[in-house]
C-alpha atoms as a PDB file:
ATOM      1  CA  MET A   1      97.768  46.170 117.423  1.00  0.00           C
ATOM      2  CA  THR A   2     100.353  46.991 120.068  1.00  0.00           C
ATOM      3  CA  THR A   3     102.937  44.311 120.821  1.00  0.00           C
ATOM      4  CA  MET A   4     104.105  43.548 124.327  1.00  0.00           C
ATOM      5  CA  ALA A   5     107.629  42.863 125.504  1.00  0.00           C
ATOM      6  CA  THR A   6     108.394  39.220 126.132  1.00  0.00           C
ATOM      7  CA  THR A   7     110.432  37.726 128.913  1.00  0.00           C
ATOM      8  CA  PRO A   8     112.102  34.343 128.624  1.00  0.00           C
ATOM      9  CA  GLY A   9     110.238  31.656 130.551  1.00  0.00           C
ATOM     10  CA  GLU A  10     111.893  28.798 132.419  1.00  0.00           C
ATOM     11  CA  ASN A  11     111.624  26.559 129.354  1.00  0.00           C
ATOM     12  CA  GLY A  12     112.964  29.240 126.980  1.00  0.00           C
ATOM     13  CA  SER A  13     109.565  30.251 125.603  1.00  0.00           C
ATOM     14  CA  GLY A  14     108.514  33.903 125.679  1.00  0.00           C
ATOM     15  CA  ARG A  15     105.653  34.959 127.957  1.00  0.00           C
ATOM     16  CA  ASN A  16     103.780  38.230 127.550  1.00  0.00           C
ATOM     17  CA  TRP A  17     102.907  40.191 130.678  1.00  0.00           C
ATOM     18  CA  THR A  18     102.735  43.797 131.831  1.00  0.00           C
ATOM     19  CA  PHE A  19     102.709  45.552 135.185  1.00  0.00           C
ATOM     20  CA  LEU A  20      99.361  47.208 134.476  1.00  0.00           C
ATOM     21  CA  THR A  21      96.074  45.465 133.761  1.00  0.00           C
ATOM     22  CA  ASN A  22      93.987  46.171 130.690  1.00  0.00           C
ATOM     23  CA  HIS A  23      91.749  48.288 132.939  1.00  0.00           C
ATOM     24  CA  GLY A  24      94.755  50.436 133.826  1.00  0.00           C
ATOM     25  CA  HIS A  25      95.809  50.726 130.201  1.00  0.00           C
ATOM     26  CA  VAL A  26      92.301  51.756 129.101  1.00  0.00           C
ATOM     27  CA  LEU A  27      92.086  54.366 131.868  1.00  0.00           C
ATOM     28  CA  LEU A  28      95.466  55.786 130.820  1.00  0.00           C
ATOM     29  CA  ALA A  29      94.506  55.842 127.136  1.00  0.00           C
ATOM     30  CA  ILE A  30      91.326  57.744 127.949  1.00  0.00           C
ATOM     31  CA  ALA A  31      93.197  60.114 130.268  1.00  0.00           C
ATOM     32  CA  ARG A  32      95.563  60.915 127.403  1.00  0.00           C
ATOM     33  CA  ASN A  33      92.693  61.442 124.935  1.00  0.00           C
ATOM     34  CA  PRO A  34      89.270  61.956 126.575  1.00  0.00           C
ATOM     35  CA  THR A  35      87.484  62.072 123.209  1.00  0.00           C
ATOM     36  CA  ALA A  36      89.087  58.944 121.740  1.00  0.00           C
ATOM     37  CA  ARG A  37      86.879  56.401 120.014  1.00  0.00           C
ATOM     38  CA  LEU A  38      86.774  53.053 121.789  1.00  0.00           C
ATOM     39  CA  ARG A  39      88.048  51.477 118.580  1.00  0.00           C
ATOM     40  CA  ASP A  40      91.217  53.558 118.933  1.00  0.00           C
ATOM     41  CA  VAL A  41      91.504  52.853 122.673  1.00  0.00           C
ATOM     42  CA  ALA A  42      91.174  49.125 121.990  1.00  0.00           C
ATOM     43  CA  GLU A  43      93.884  49.244 119.346  1.00  0.00           C
ATOM     44  CA  GLU A  44      96.235  51.205 121.611  1.00  0.00           C
ATOM     45  CA  VAL A  45      95.726  48.782 124.504  1.00  0.00           C
ATOM     46  CA  GLY A  46      95.778  45.641 122.373  1.00  0.00           C
ATOM     47  CA  VAL A  47      92.288  44.349 123.154  1.00  0.00           C
ATOM     48  CA  THR A  48      89.123  43.939 121.129  1.00  0.00           C
ATOM     49  CA  GLU A  49      86.662  46.803 120.856  1.00  0.00           C
ATOM     50  CA  ARG A  50      84.144  44.714 122.791  1.00  0.00           C
ATOM     51  CA  ALA A  51      86.665  44.203 125.615  1.00  0.00           C
ATOM     52  CA  ALA A  52      87.355  47.952 125.684  1.00  0.00           C
ATOM     53  CA  GLN A  53      83.603  48.610 125.962  1.00  0.00           C
ATOM     54  CA  ALA A  54      83.335  46.190 128.888  1.00  0.00           C
ATOM     55  CA  ILE A  55      86.341  47.767 130.618  1.00  0.00           C
ATOM     56  CA  VAL A  56      84.919  51.281 130.172  1.00  0.00           C
ATOM     57  CA  ALA A  57      81.622  50.038 131.640  1.00  0.00           C
ATOM     58  CA  ASP A  58      83.536  48.601 134.631  1.00  0.00           C
ATOM     59  CA  LEU A  59      85.462  51.849 135.127  1.00  0.00           C
ATOM     60  CA  GLU A  60      82.284  53.897 134.855  1.00  0.00           C
ATOM     61  CA  ALA A  61      80.418  51.643 137.318  1.00  0.00           C
ATOM     62  CA  GLY A  62      83.380  51.892 139.703  1.00  0.00           C
ATOM     63  CA  GLY A  63      83.301  55.688 139.596  1.00  0.00           C
ATOM     64  CA  TYR A  64      86.682  56.072 137.875  1.00  0.00           C
ATOM     65  CA  LEU A  65      85.285  57.830 134.826  1.00  0.00           C
ATOM     66  CA  HIS A  66      82.135  59.485 133.574  1.00  0.00           C
ATOM     67  CA  ARG A  67      80.906  59.270 129.992  1.00  0.00           C
ATOM     68  CA  THR A  68      79.127  62.229 128.359  1.00  0.00           C
ATOM     69  CA  ARG A  69      77.577  62.099 124.916  1.00  0.00           C
ATOM     70  CA  VAL A  70      78.703  65.034 122.749  1.00  0.00           C
ATOM     71  CA  GLY A  71      77.011  64.845 119.370  1.00  0.00           C
ATOM     72  CA  ARG A  72      77.843  61.448 117.921  1.00  0.00           C
ATOM     73  CA  ARG A  73      80.914  60.940 120.138  1.00  0.00           C
ATOM     74  CA  ASN A  74      81.578  60.214 123.790  1.00  0.00           C
ATOM     75  CA  GLU A  75      83.712  62.412 125.985  1.00  0.00           C
ATOM     76  CA  TYR A  76      85.175  60.957 129.147  1.00  0.00           C
ATOM     77  CA  THR A  77      85.968  62.670 132.441  1.00  0.00           C
ATOM     78  CA  ILE A  78      88.384  60.868 134.756  1.00  0.00           C
ATOM     79  CA  ASN A  79      87.931  60.874 138.541  1.00  0.00           C
ATOM     80  CA  PRO A  80      91.535  61.115 139.802  1.00  0.00           C
ATOM     81  CA  SER A  81      90.450  60.811 143.449  1.00  0.00           C
ATOM     82  CA  GLY A  82      89.235  57.230 142.968  1.00  0.00           C
ATOM     83  CA  HIS A  83      91.220  54.729 145.008  1.00  0.00           C
ATOM     84  CA  PHE A  84      92.905  51.569 143.761  1.00  0.00           C
ATOM     85  CA  ARG A  85      90.822  48.455 144.284  1.00  0.00           C
ATOM     86  CA  HIS A  86      93.503  46.064 145.568  1.00  0.00           C
ATOM     87  CA  PRO A  87      93.853  46.146 149.375  1.00  0.00           C
ATOM     88  CA  ALA A  88      97.625  46.651 149.118  1.00  0.00           C
ATOM     89  CA  GLU A  89      97.126  49.977 147.278  1.00  0.00           C
ATOM     90  CA  ALA A  90      93.648  50.971 148.498  1.00  0.00           C
ATOM     91  CA  ASP A  91      95.064  54.007 150.300  1.00  0.00           C
ATOM     92  CA  GLN A  92      96.396  55.445 147.015  1.00  0.00           C
ATOM     93  CA  GLN A  93      94.434  57.472 144.455  1.00  0.00           C
ATOM     94  CA  VAL A  94      94.556  56.648 140.743  1.00  0.00           C
ATOM     95  CA  GLY A  95      95.382  60.289 140.016  1.00  0.00           C
ATOM     96  CA  ALA A  96      98.993  59.620 141.021  1.00  0.00           C
ATOM     97  CA  LEU A  97      99.257  56.873 138.405  1.00  0.00           C
ATOM     98  CA  LEU A  98      97.629  59.070 135.792  1.00  0.00           C
ATOM     99  CA  ALA A  99     100.024  61.907 136.565  1.00  0.00           C
ATOM    100  CA  LEU A 100     102.971  59.548 136.223  1.00  0.00           C
ATOM    101  CA  PHE A 101     101.996  58.423 132.725  1.00  0.00           C
ATOM    102  CA  THR A 102     100.205  61.454 131.308  1.00  0.00           C
ATOM    103  CA  THR A 103     102.525  64.292 132.303  1.00  0.00           C
ATOM    104  CA  ASP A 104     103.796  66.242 129.315  1.00  0.00           C
ATOM    105  CA  ALA A 105     107.582  66.018 129.667  1.00  0.00           C
ATOM    106  CA  ALA A 106     108.040  69.002 127.326  1.00  0.00           C
ATOM    107  CA  ALA A 107     106.135  71.219 129.766  1.00  0.00           C
ATOM    108  CA  GLU A 108     108.373  70.355 132.729  1.00  0.00           C
ATOM    109  CA  PRO A 109     111.117  72.837 133.627  1.00  0.00           C
ATOM    110  CA  VAL A 110     114.659  71.818 132.744  1.00  0.00           C
ATOM    111  CA  THR A 111     117.231  72.197 135.509  1.00  0.00           C
ATOM    112  CA  GLU A 112     120.891  72.533 134.747  1.00  0.00           C
ATOM    113  CA  SER A 113     123.579  71.201 137.050  1.00  0.00           C
END
């Protein structure tokens, strides 16, 4: 399973937290590999397979992704024009977040100064 960075708490104990929710992490994992098994997505995100299934169901119900059965596997299509759910970011599309974390750095042009 993936380990998270810890930050020292007020009493010296470490607390685990991330800027993105598990829903965000699952969406990014699927965007990176649209044919990934949920078992692999769950391991990458650090949740149980059952939690990953529930998150995918939430994302599908919310219109953020579409699941298609291809043989014995699922293939996922992301809807990048879906908007964030929190009122503070509701004017932003999730495609911008996906582009930030799924862009292939090797494909970007290198500029020399």
